[in-house]
Amino acid sequence: MIPILEAVPNFSEGRDLEKVEALVDTIARKGVDILDWSADPDHHRSVVTYIGDPRSVISASIAAAEFAVREFDLSRHRGLHPRIGALDVLPFVPLRGLLMSDAIAAAHEVGQAIASLGVPVFFYGEASNPPGRGLAELRRGGIEALQDGFHENRKPDLPSSAKIPHTTAGATCVGARDVLLAWNVLVAGIDEEQARVIAAKVRERDGGFSGVRALGLYLRQREQAQISMNIEDTMRTAPAAVYEEITQSVSEMAGEIVEIEVIGMAPDTLVLPGSENKLDLLNLDPKRVLSFRVNEYVQTREG
């Protein structure tokens, strides 16, 4: 069986498309398959999704970290999304012929390489010790909360002696996890405070759906509100159920859902039969479905 590892790094740059495209090219040159990339000017953030054999994915991820340290300056960064690093988040996901332990090993190897660049590293998800450290606790308050140095309850794993973030690259969260759904629901006719109320209704922390992380934001460039979400286990929490709750809340506020964005690749549970009539604004090309692209990758190498 051909082993396939996925990486989904998030970078704090979403406005300079020339640089983002150069970053994607840098990653692709390491022999991985780029499945998707996107850049958002309001979030000032880009996300790249790629797969390959573990060695190639590790090599591509280190190259991506080197590019981010060299080209992105977090000290000048202003965006909607919480962030603590130029390369902010780097999760590894075992997809085929691999165990979670393989993804953890990749996370630790790449974390060591990033730390050698002078960028402090936090491990999260299955890669932390003990497993299960969340991103929210690491990024709360953004890089601004770390300007005076790392706090007693928020110290990096590598190097353990680090006192302050890198001056321009900040710190990086490196993790291992299962497949998740990252998506945004765009809404017209409501304000930022109403978006925050809806986000609180659906996120786990405030009594909403299990494994849902959500932010309510207002996008100035689009003049629309956004519910920005991750669903960590789409088998346990159906995306359609979360969407129905948002739809009802938006209707009660006299707003209108205008678009659904999937960031990165879509898990199969988002496109299962029966979801189409509920997620009526979702029009995914098969090439955005993760299992389709994994099968395509395997066929090109076994054929």
C-alpha atoms as a PDB file:
ATOM      1  CA  MET A   1       0.000   0.000   0.000  1.00  0.00           C
ATOM      2  CA  ILE A   2       1.321   3.430  -0.960  1.00  0.00           C
ATOM      3  CA  PRO A   3       1.651   5.512   2.231  1.00  0.00           C
ATOM      4  CA  ILE A   4       0.136   8.986   2.015  1.00  0.00           C
ATOM      5  CA  LEU A   5       0.656  11.819   4.486  1.00  0.00           C
ATOM      6  CA  GLU A   6      -1.183  15.131   4.284  1.00  0.00           C
ATOM      7  CA  ALA A   7      -0.005  18.529   5.519  1.00  0.00           C
ATOM      8  CA  VAL A   8      -2.158  21.669   5.752  1.00  0.00           C
ATOM      9  CA  PRO A   9       0.048  24.611   6.776  1.00  0.00           C
ATOM     10  CA  ASN A  10      -1.538  28.005   7.496  1.00  0.00           C
ATOM     11  CA  PHE A  11       0.547  31.127   6.819  1.00  0.00           C
ATOM     12  CA  SER A  12       0.078  34.707   7.982  1.00  0.00           C
ATOM     13  CA  GLU A  13       0.014  36.207   4.496  1.00  0.00           C
ATOM     14  CA  GLY A  14      -3.117  36.571   2.395  1.00  0.00           C
ATOM     15  CA  ARG A  15      -2.640  39.776   0.420  1.00  0.00           C
ATOM     16  CA  ASP A  16       0.612  39.445  -1.514  1.00  0.00           C
ATOM     17  CA  LEU A  17      -0.433  36.811  -4.049  1.00  0.00           C
ATOM     18  CA  GLU A  18       2.946  36.867  -5.769  1.00  0.00           C
ATOM     19  CA  LYS A  19       4.600  35.726  -2.549  1.00  0.00           C
ATOM     20  CA  VAL A  20       1.914  33.145  -1.842  1.00  0.00           C
ATOM     21  CA  GLU A  21       2.319  31.679  -5.331  1.00  0.00           C
ATOM     22  CA  ALA A  22       6.086  31.561  -4.826  1.00  0.00           C
ATOM     23  CA  LEU A  23       5.470  29.696  -1.565  1.00  0.00           C
ATOM     24  CA  VAL A  24       3.242  27.155  -3.320  1.00  0.00           C
ATOM     25  CA  ASP A  25       5.915  26.649  -5.990  1.00  0.00           C
ATOM     26  CA  THR A  26       8.530  26.087  -3.283  1.00  0.00           C
ATOM     27  CA  ILE A  27       6.385  23.377  -1.716  1.00  0.00           C
ATOM     28  CA  ALA A  28       5.574  21.710  -5.051  1.00  0.00           C
ATOM     29  CA  ARG A  29       9.255  21.427  -5.979  1.00  0.00           C
ATOM     30  CA  LYS A  30       9.719  18.913  -3.149  1.00  0.00           C
ATOM     31  CA  GLY A  31       7.718  16.274  -5.029  1.00  0.00           C
ATOM     32  CA  VAL A  32       4.366  16.534  -3.260  1.00  0.00           C
ATOM     33  CA  ASP A  33       0.961  16.956  -4.893  1.00  0.00           C
ATOM     34  CA  ILE A  34      -0.648  20.334  -4.183  1.00  0.00           C
ATOM     35  CA  LEU A  35      -4.347  19.619  -3.691  1.00  0.00           C
ATOM     36  CA  ASP A  36      -5.487  23.162  -2.958  1.00  0.00           C
ATOM     37  CA  TRP A  37      -4.345  26.592  -1.865  1.00  0.00           C
ATOM     38  CA  SER A  38      -6.201  29.762  -0.979  1.00  0.00           C
ATOM     39  CA  ALA A  39      -5.443  33.274   0.236  1.00  0.00           C
ATOM     40  CA  ASP A  40      -7.855  35.525   2.137  1.00  0.00           C
ATOM     41  CA  PRO A  41      -7.105  39.276   2.399  1.00  0.00           C
ATOM     42  CA  ASP A  42      -9.469  39.895   5.338  1.00  0.00           C
ATOM     43  CA  HIS A  43      -8.018  37.074   7.400  1.00  0.00           C
ATOM     44  CA  HIS A  44      -4.598  37.970   5.892  1.00  0.00           C
ATOM     45  CA  ARG A  45      -3.980  34.243   5.773  1.00  0.00           C
ATOM     46  CA  SER A  46      -3.214  31.539   3.243  1.00  0.00           C
ATOM     47  CA  VAL A  47      -3.706  27.781   3.491  1.00  0.00           C
ATOM     48  CA  VAL A  48      -1.939  25.155   1.382  1.00  0.00           C
ATOM     49  CA  THR A  49      -2.940  21.476   1.259  1.00  0.00           C
ATOM     50  CA  TYR A  50      -0.560  18.836  -0.099  1.00  0.00           C
ATOM     51  CA  ILE A  51      -0.043  15.077   0.045  1.00  0.00           C
ATOM     52  CA  GLY A  52       2.743  12.645  -0.692  1.00  0.00           C
ATOM     53  CA  ASP A  53       4.996  10.032   0.806  1.00  0.00           C
ATOM     54  CA  PRO A  54       6.115  10.982   4.334  1.00  0.00           C
ATOM     55  CA  ARG A  55       9.680  11.942   3.372  1.00  0.00           C
ATOM     56  CA  SER A  56       8.506  14.280   0.612  1.00  0.00           C
ATOM     57  CA  VAL A  57       5.868  15.886   2.834  1.00  0.00           C
ATOM     58  CA  ILE A  58       8.418  16.425   5.604  1.00  0.00           C
ATOM     59  CA  SER A  59      10.881  17.966   3.133  1.00  0.00           C
ATOM     60  CA  ALA A  60       8.182  20.224   1.648  1.00  0.00           C
ATOM     61  CA  SER A  61       7.091  21.354   5.106  1.00  0.00           C
ATOM     62  CA  ILE A  62      10.605  22.314   6.139  1.00  0.00           C
ATOM     63  CA  ALA A  63      11.027  24.243   2.877  1.00  0.00           C
ATOM     64  CA  ALA A  64       7.722  26.018   3.562  1.00  0.00           C
ATOM     65  CA  ALA A  65       8.897  26.989   7.051  1.00  0.00           C
ATOM     66  CA  GLU A  66      12.166  28.353   5.673  1.00  0.00           C
ATOM     67  CA  PHE A  67      10.237  30.394   3.096  1.00  0.00           C
ATOM     68  CA  ALA A  68       7.906  31.825   5.759  1.00  0.00           C
ATOM     69  CA  VAL A  69      10.790  32.855   8.006  1.00  0.00           C
ATOM     70  CA  ARG A  70      12.560  34.499   5.086  1.00  0.00           C
ATOM     71  CA  GLU A  71       9.629  36.202   3.351  1.00  0.00           C
ATOM     72  CA  PHE A  72       6.835  36.937   5.864  1.00  0.00           C
ATOM     73  CA  ASP A  73       7.036  39.583   8.582  1.00  0.00           C
ATOM     74  CA  LEU A  74       4.568  38.995  11.397  1.00  0.00           C
ATOM     75  CA  SER A  75       5.538  42.249  13.124  1.00  0.00           C
ATOM     76  CA  ARG A  76       3.678  44.113  10.351  1.00  0.00           C
ATOM     77  CA  HIS A  77       0.769  41.698  10.106  1.00  0.00           C
ATOM     78  CA  ARG A  78      -2.805  42.799  10.789  1.00  0.00           C
ATOM     79  CA  GLY A  79      -5.674  40.406  10.071  1.00  0.00           C
ATOM     80  CA  LEU A  80      -8.884  38.991  11.494  1.00  0.00           C
ATOM     81  CA  HIS A  81      -7.684  35.487  12.306  1.00  0.00           C
ATOM     82  CA  PRO A  82      -5.859  34.700  15.580  1.00  0.00           C
ATOM     83  CA  ARG A  83      -2.199  33.932  14.817  1.00  0.00           C
ATOM     84  CA  ILE A  84       1.151  33.658  16.547  1.00  0.00           C
ATOM     85  CA  GLY A  85       3.424  32.797  13.634  1.00  0.00           C
ATOM     86  CA  ALA A  86       4.374  33.586  10.046  1.00  0.00           C
ATOM     87  CA  LEU A  87       3.965  29.843   9.599  1.00  0.00           C
ATOM     88  CA  ASP A  88       1.177  29.765  12.139  1.00  0.00           C
ATOM     89  CA  VAL A  89      -0.144  26.211  12.124  1.00  0.00           C
ATOM     90  CA  LEU A  90       1.227  23.031  10.568  1.00  0.00           C
ATOM     91  CA  PRO A  91      -0.842  19.851  11.044  1.00  0.00           C
ATOM     92  CA  PHE A  92       0.066  16.424   9.683  1.00  0.00           C
ATOM     93  CA  VAL A  93      -2.696  13.947   8.833  1.00  0.00           C
ATOM     94  CA  PRO A  94      -2.197  10.199   8.154  1.00  0.00           C
ATOM     95  CA  LEU A  95      -4.368   9.319   5.162  1.00  0.00           C
ATOM     96  CA  ARG A  96      -3.367   5.908   3.755  1.00  0.00           C
ATOM     97  CA  GLY A  97      -1.036   3.160   4.908  1.00  0.00           C
ATOM     98  CA  LEU A  98       0.035   5.198   7.935  1.00  0.00           C
ATOM     99  CA  LEU A  99      -0.789   5.383  11.624  1.00  0.00           C
ATOM    100  CA  MET A 100      -1.253   8.457  13.781  1.00  0.00           C
ATOM    101  CA  SER A 101       2.169   7.635  15.244  1.00  0.00           C
ATOM    102  CA  ASP A 102       3.668   8.289  11.799  1.00  0.00           C
ATOM    103  CA  ALA A 103       2.063  11.737  11.662  1.00  0.00           C
ATOM    104  CA  ILE A 104       3.328  12.451  15.180  1.00  0.00           C
ATOM    105  CA  ALA A 105       6.860  11.445  14.149  1.00  0.00           C
ATOM    106  CA  ALA A 106       6.647  13.782  11.138  1.00  0.00           C
ATOM    107  CA  ALA A 107       5.413  16.626  13.355  1.00  0.00           C
ATOM    108  CA  HIS A 108       8.300  16.158  15.776  1.00  0.00           C
ATOM    109  CA  GLU A 109      10.921  15.979  13.021  1.00  0.00           C
ATOM    110  CA  VAL A 110       9.628  19.119  11.321  1.00  0.00           C
ATOM    111  CA  GLY A 111       9.221  20.849  14.677  1.00  0.00           C
ATOM    112  CA  GLN A 112      12.897  20.263  15.395  1.00  0.00           C
ATOM    113  CA  ALA A 113      13.824  21.742  12.010  1.00  0.00           C
ATOM    114  CA  ILE A 114      11.656  24.826  12.591  1.00  0.00           C
ATOM    115  CA  ALA A 115      13.167  25.361  16.034  1.00  0.00           C
ATOM    116  CA  SER A 116      16.627  25.229  14.438  1.00  0.00           C
ATOM    117  CA  LEU A 117      15.573  28.296  12.392  1.00  0.00           C
ATOM    118  CA  GLY A 118      15.134  30.218  15.645  1.00  0.00           C
ATOM    119  CA  VAL A 119      11.345  29.901  15.695  1.00  0.00           C
ATOM    120  CA  PRO A 120       9.855  28.499  18.930  1.00  0.00           C
ATOM    121  CA  VAL A 121       7.528  25.525  18.410  1.00  0.00           C
ATOM    122  CA  PHE A 122       4.421  24.397  20.254  1.00  0.00           C
ATOM    123  CA  PHE A 123       3.156  20.864  19.648  1.00  0.00           C
ATOM    124  CA  TYR A 124      -0.618  20.384  19.617  1.00  0.00           C
ATOM    125  CA  GLY A 125      -3.262  17.755  18.950  1.00  0.00           C
ATOM    126  CA  GLU A 126      -1.922  14.206  18.999  1.00  0.00           C
ATOM    127  CA  ALA A 127       1.664  15.510  18.800  1.00  0.00           C
ATOM    128  CA  SER A 128       1.576  17.220  22.210  1.00  0.00           C
ATOM    129  CA  ASN A 129       2.519  15.619  25.508  1.00  0.00           C
ATOM    130  CA  PRO A 130       0.020  14.723  26.827  1.00  0.00           C
ATOM    131  CA  PRO A 131      -1.995  14.504  23.579  1.00  0.00           C
ATOM    132  CA  GLY A 132      -4.908  16.841  23.004  1.00  0.00           C
ATOM    133  CA  ARG A 133      -3.464  20.320  23.440  1.00  0.00           C
ATOM    134  CA  GLY A 134      -5.773  22.746  21.618  1.00  0.00           C
ATOM    135  CA  LEU A 135      -4.897  25.523  19.208  1.00  0.00           C
ATOM    136  CA  ALA A 136      -7.246  28.012  20.879  1.00  0.00           C
ATOM    137  CA  GLU A 137      -5.234  28.050  24.093  1.00  0.00           C
ATOM    138  CA  LEU A 138      -1.977  28.533  22.181  1.00  0.00           C
ATOM    139  CA  ARG A 139      -3.202  31.386  19.970  1.00  0.00           C
ATOM    140  CA  ARG A 140      -5.452  33.242  22.394  1.00  0.00           C
ATOM    141  CA  GLY A 141      -4.691  36.954  22.089  1.00  0.00           C
ATOM    142  CA  GLY A 142      -2.517  36.400  19.028  1.00  0.00           C
ATOM    143  CA  ILE A 143       1.141  37.333  18.791  1.00  0.00           C
ATOM    144  CA  GLU A 144       0.334  40.560  20.639  1.00  0.00           C
ATOM    145  CA  ALA A 145      -0.257  38.546  23.830  1.00  0.00           C
ATOM    146  CA  LEU A 146       3.305  37.228  23.588  1.00  0.00           C
ATOM    147  CA  GLN A 147       5.107  40.522  22.971  1.00  0.00           C
ATOM    148  CA  ASP A 148       6.512  40.536  26.495  1.00  0.00           C
ATOM    149  CA  GLY A 149       7.587  36.914  26.253  1.00  0.00           C
ATOM    150  CA  PHE A 150       6.091  33.483  26.827  1.00  0.00           C
ATOM    151  CA  HIS A 151       3.858  33.056  29.853  1.00  0.00           C
ATOM    152  CA  GLU A 152       4.355  30.435  32.528  1.00  0.00           C
ATOM    153  CA  ASN A 153       1.359  28.410  31.284  1.00  0.00           C
ATOM    154  CA  ARG A 154       2.230  28.881  27.608  1.00  0.00           C
ATOM    155  CA  LYS A 155       5.843  27.964  26.999  1.00  0.00           C
ATOM    156  CA  PRO A 156       7.091  26.406  23.753  1.00  0.00           C
ATOM    157  CA  ASP A 157       8.169  22.786  23.540  1.00  0.00           C
ATOM    158  CA  LEU A 158      11.187  23.644  21.379  1.00  0.00           C
ATOM    159  CA  PRO A 159      13.475  25.051  22.444  1.00  0.00           C
ATOM    160  CA  SER A 160      12.323  24.772  26.052  1.00  0.00           C
ATOM    161  CA  SER A 161      14.659  27.633  26.945  1.00  0.00           C
ATOM    162  CA  ALA A 162      13.001  30.133  24.550  1.00  0.00           C
ATOM    163  CA  LYS A 163      11.892  33.315  26.299  1.00  0.00           C
ATOM    164  CA  ILE A 164      10.407  35.314  23.408  1.00  0.00           C
ATOM    165  CA  PRO A 165       9.023  34.649  19.908  1.00  0.00           C
ATOM    166  CA  HIS A 166      11.131  35.154  16.776  1.00  0.00           C
ATOM    167  CA  THR A 167      11.128  38.886  15.976  1.00  0.00           C
ATOM    168  CA  THR A 168       9.489  38.505  12.550  1.00  0.00           C
ATOM    169  CA  ALA A 169       8.335  34.863  12.372  1.00  0.00           C
ATOM    170  CA  GLY A 170       6.762  34.560  15.833  1.00  0.00           C
ATOM    171  CA  ALA A 171       6.158  30.956  16.890  1.00  0.00           C
ATOM    172  CA  THR A 172       4.701  27.927  15.113  1.00  0.00           C
ATOM    173  CA  CYS A 173       2.118  25.347  16.222  1.00  0.00           C
ATOM    174  CA  VAL A 174       2.956  21.901  14.798  1.00  0.00           C
ATOM    175  CA  GLY A 175       0.491  19.067  15.253  1.00  0.00           C
ATOM    176  CA  ALA A 176      -0.899  15.714  14.218  1.00  0.00           C
ATOM    177  CA  ARG A 177      -4.626  15.124  13.786  1.00  0.00           C
ATOM    178  CA  ASP A 178      -7.333  13.327  11.851  1.00  0.00           C
ATOM    179  CA  VAL A 179      -9.156  14.779   8.857  1.00  0.00           C
ATOM    180  CA  LEU A 180     -11.335  17.779   9.739  1.00  0.00           C
ATOM    181  CA  LEU A 181     -13.606  20.219   7.932  1.00  0.00           C
ATOM    182  CA  ALA A 182     -12.524  23.870   7.787  1.00  0.00           C
ATOM    183  CA  TRP A 183     -15.290  26.045   6.363  1.00  0.00           C
ATOM    184  CA  ASN A 184     -16.831  29.506   6.420  1.00  0.00           C
ATOM    185  CA  VAL A 185     -20.467  30.559   6.127  1.00  0.00           C
ATOM    186  CA  LEU A 186     -20.845  34.070   4.688  1.00  0.00           C
ATOM    187  CA  VAL A 187     -23.889  36.072   5.758  1.00  0.00           C
ATOM    188  CA  ALA A 188     -25.365  39.360   4.536  1.00  0.00           C
ATOM    189  CA  GLY A 189     -27.603  41.568   6.655  1.00  0.00           C
ATOM    190  CA  ILE A 190     -26.105  40.950  10.099  1.00  0.00           C
ATOM    191  CA  ASP A 191     -23.322  42.709  11.984  1.00  0.00           C
ATOM    192  CA  GLU A 192     -20.207  41.464  13.759  1.00  0.00           C
ATOM    193  CA  GLU A 193     -21.876  41.132  17.149  1.00  0.00           C
ATOM    194  CA  GLN A 194     -24.671  39.011  15.680  1.00  0.00           C
ATOM    195  CA  ALA A 195     -22.064  36.828  13.939  1.00  0.00           C
ATOM    196  CA  ARG A 196     -20.380  36.292  17.302  1.00  0.00           C
ATOM    197  CA  VAL A 197     -23.687  35.263  18.864  1.00  0.00           C
ATOM    198  CA  ILE A 198     -24.203  32.645  16.139  1.00  0.00           C
ATOM    199  CA  ALA A 199     -20.641  31.356  16.507  1.00  0.00           C
ATOM    200  CA  ALA A 200     -21.184  30.952  20.250  1.00  0.00           C
ATOM    201  CA  LYS A 201     -24.356  28.939  19.596  1.00  0.00           C
ATOM    202  CA  VAL A 202     -22.570  26.327  17.508  1.00  0.00           C
ATOM    203  CA  ARG A 203     -19.145  26.010  19.134  1.00  0.00           C
ATOM    204  CA  GLU A 204     -18.447  23.351  21.734  1.00  0.00           C
ATOM    205  CA  ARG A 205     -16.865  25.712  24.264  1.00  0.00           C
ATOM    206  CA  ASP A 206     -20.159  27.549  24.741  1.00  0.00           C
ATOM    207  CA  GLY A 207     -22.396  24.474  24.796  1.00  0.00           C
ATOM    208  CA  GLY A 208     -22.827  23.949  21.068  1.00  0.00           C
ATOM    209  CA  PHE A 209     -21.805  21.028  18.875  1.00  0.00           C
ATOM    210  CA  SER A 210     -19.074  18.601  19.874  1.00  0.00           C
ATOM    211  CA  GLY A 211     -15.724  19.341  18.261  1.00  0.00           C
ATOM    212  CA  VAL A 212     -16.828  22.612  16.649  1.00  0.00           C
ATOM    213  CA  ARG A 213     -14.533  25.636  16.868  1.00  0.00           C
ATOM    214  CA  ALA A 214     -16.144  28.815  15.595  1.00  0.00           C
ATOM    215  CA  LEU A 215     -15.486  32.552  15.282  1.00  0.00           C
ATOM    216  CA  GLY A 216     -17.922  35.294  14.330  1.00  0.00           C
ATOM    217  CA  LEU A 217     -16.195  37.892  12.138  1.00  0.00           C
ATOM    218  CA  TYR A 218     -16.992  40.833   9.867  1.00  0.00           C
ATOM    219  CA  LEU A 219     -15.182  41.050   6.527  1.00  0.00           C
ATOM    220  CA  ARG A 220     -14.695  44.713   5.651  1.00  0.00           C
ATOM    221  CA  GLN A 221     -13.652  44.100   2.060  1.00  0.00           C
ATOM    222  CA  ARG A 222     -16.725  41.959   1.338  1.00  0.00           C
ATOM    223  CA  GLU A 223     -19.076  43.888   3.636  1.00  0.00           C
ATOM    224  CA  GLN A 224     -20.384  40.591   4.987  1.00  0.00           C
ATOM    225  CA  ALA A 225     -20.311  38.715   8.266  1.00  0.00           C
ATOM    226  CA  GLN A 226     -18.676  35.311   8.465  1.00  0.00           C
ATOM    227  CA  ILE A 227     -18.998  32.287  10.713  1.00  0.00           C
ATOM    228  CA  SER A 228     -15.534  30.718  10.454  1.00  0.00           C
ATOM    229  CA  MET A 229     -15.457  27.114  11.683  1.00  0.00           C
ATOM    230  CA  ASN A 230     -13.592  23.877  12.102  1.00  0.00           C
ATOM    231  CA  ILE A 231     -15.431  20.610  12.700  1.00  0.00           C
ATOM    232  CA  GLU A 232     -12.867  18.235  14.156  1.00  0.00           C
ATOM    233  CA  ASP A 233     -14.836  15.001  13.708  1.00  0.00           C
ATOM    234  CA  THR A 234     -17.419  15.084  10.922  1.00  0.00           C
ATOM    235  CA  MET A 235     -18.538  11.527  11.687  1.00  0.00           C
ATOM    236  CA  ARG A 236     -19.562  12.554  15.191  1.00  0.00           C
ATOM    237  CA  THR A 237     -20.886  16.025  14.315  1.00  0.00           C
ATOM    238  CA  ALA A 238     -22.706  16.259  10.983  1.00  0.00           C
ATOM    239  CA  PRO A 239     -21.886  19.443   9.040  1.00  0.00           C
ATOM    240  CA  ALA A 240     -25.517  19.602   7.878  1.00  0.00           C
ATOM    241  CA  ALA A 241     -26.721  19.833  11.489  1.00  0.00           C
ATOM    242  CA  VAL A 242     -24.362  22.724  12.215  1.00  0.00           C
ATOM    243  CA  TYR A 243     -25.466  24.438   9.021  1.00  0.00           C
ATOM    244  CA  GLU A 244     -29.135  24.053   9.947  1.00  0.00           C
ATOM    245  CA  GLU A 245     -28.515  25.738  13.314  1.00  0.00           C
ATOM    246  CA  ILE A 246     -26.734  28.621  11.585  1.00  0.00           C
ATOM    247  CA  THR A 247     -29.495  28.909   8.988  1.00  0.00           C
ATOM    248  CA  GLN A 248     -32.163  29.174  11.679  1.00  0.00           C
ATOM    249  CA  SER A 249     -30.223  31.794  13.642  1.00  0.00           C
ATOM    250  CA  VAL A 250     -29.509  33.863  10.531  1.00  0.00           C
ATOM    251  CA  SER A 251     -33.196  33.746   9.572  1.00  0.00           C
ATOM    252  CA  GLU A 252     -34.227  34.917  13.044  1.00  0.00           C
ATOM    253  CA  MET A 253     -31.856  37.876  12.662  1.00  0.00           C
ATOM    254  CA  ALA A 254     -33.316  38.724   9.215  1.00  0.00           C
ATOM    255  CA  GLY A 255     -30.008  37.951   7.534  1.00  0.00           C
ATOM    256  CA  GLU A 256     -29.247  35.851   4.472  1.00  0.00           C
ATOM    257  CA  ILE A 257     -26.619  33.163   3.892  1.00  0.00           C
ATOM    258  CA  VAL A 258     -24.910  33.986   0.624  1.00  0.00           C
ATOM    259  CA  GLU A 259     -21.999  31.570   0.350  1.00  0.00           C
ATOM    260  CA  ILE A 260     -20.260  28.562   1.879  1.00  0.00           C
ATOM    261  CA  GLU A 261     -16.482  28.314   1.558  1.00  0.00           C
ATOM    262  CA  VAL A 262     -14.549  25.116   2.214  1.00  0.00           C
ATOM    263  CA  ILE A 263     -10.930  25.812   3.130  1.00  0.00           C
ATOM    264  CA  GLY A 264      -8.625  23.102   1.861  1.00  0.00           C
ATOM    265  CA  MET A 265     -10.223  19.765   1.049  1.00  0.00           C
ATOM    266  CA  ALA A 266     -13.695  18.459   1.874  1.00  0.00           C
ATOM    267  CA  PRO A 267     -14.111  15.216   3.839  1.00  0.00           C
ATOM    268  CA  ASP A 268     -16.536  12.655   2.422  1.00  0.00           C
ATOM    269  CA  THR A 269     -19.115  13.384   5.124  1.00  0.00           C
ATOM    270  CA  LEU A 270     -19.691  16.820   3.611  1.00  0.00           C
ATOM    271  CA  VAL A 271     -20.835  15.369   0.305  1.00  0.00           C
ATOM    272  CA  LEU A 272     -22.662  12.219   1.391  1.00  0.00           C
ATOM    273  CA  PRO A 273     -26.092  11.596  -0.162  1.00  0.00           C
ATOM    274  CA  GLY A 274     -28.708  13.539   1.742  1.00  0.00           C
ATOM    275  CA  SER A 275     -26.496  16.546   2.417  1.00  0.00           C
ATOM    276  CA  GLU A 276     -27.133  18.320  -0.863  1.00  0.00           C
ATOM    277  CA  ASN A 277     -30.565  19.710  -0.034  1.00  0.00           C
ATOM    278  CA  LYS A 278     -29.343  21.013   3.321  1.00  0.00           C
ATOM    279  CA  LEU A 279     -26.069  22.528   2.181  1.00  0.00           C
ATOM    280  CA  ASP A 280     -27.797  24.101  -0.773  1.00  0.00           C
ATOM    281  CA  LEU A 281     -25.075  26.674  -1.450  1.00  0.00           C
ATOM    282  CA  LEU A 282     -22.299  24.107  -1.545  1.00  0.00           C
ATOM    283  CA  ASN A 283     -21.229  23.324  -5.084  1.00  0.00           C
ATOM    284  CA  LEU A 284     -18.018  21.343  -4.735  1.00  0.00           C
ATOM    285  CA  ASP A 285     -15.996  20.156  -7.671  1.00  0.00           C
ATOM    286  CA  PRO A 286     -15.002  16.489  -7.118  1.00  0.00           C
ATOM    287  CA  LYS A 287     -11.387  17.646  -7.143  1.00  0.00           C
ATOM    288  CA  ARG A 288     -12.087  19.409  -3.832  1.00  0.00           C
ATOM    289  CA  VAL A 289     -13.104  16.119  -2.172  1.00  0.00           C
ATOM    290  CA  LEU A 290     -10.176  14.582  -0.306  1.00  0.00           C
ATOM    291  CA  SER A 291     -10.909  10.904  -1.028  1.00  0.00           C
ATOM    292  CA  PHE A 292     -11.234  11.624  -4.768  1.00  0.00           C
ATOM    293  CA  ARG A 293      -7.793  13.223  -4.863  1.00  0.00           C
ATOM    294  CA  VAL A 294      -6.202  10.507  -2.743  1.00  0.00           C
ATOM    295  CA  ASN A 295      -7.554   7.840  -5.111  1.00  0.00           C
ATOM    296  CA  GLU A 296      -6.306   9.868  -8.066  1.00  0.00           C
ATOM    297  CA  TYR A 297      -2.844  10.088  -6.465  1.00  0.00           C
ATOM    298  CA  VAL A 298      -2.744   6.324  -5.897  1.00  0.00           C
ATOM    299  CA  GLN A 299      -3.861   5.517  -9.453  1.00  0.00           C
ATOM    300  CA  THR A 300      -1.136   7.656 -11.013  1.00  0.00           C
ATOM    301  CA  ARG A 301       1.495   5.808  -8.997  1.00  0.00           C
ATOM    302  CA  GLU A 302       0.156   2.284  -9.290  1.00  0.00           C
ATOM    303  CA  GLY A 303      -0.810   2.506 -12.929  1.00  0.00           C
END
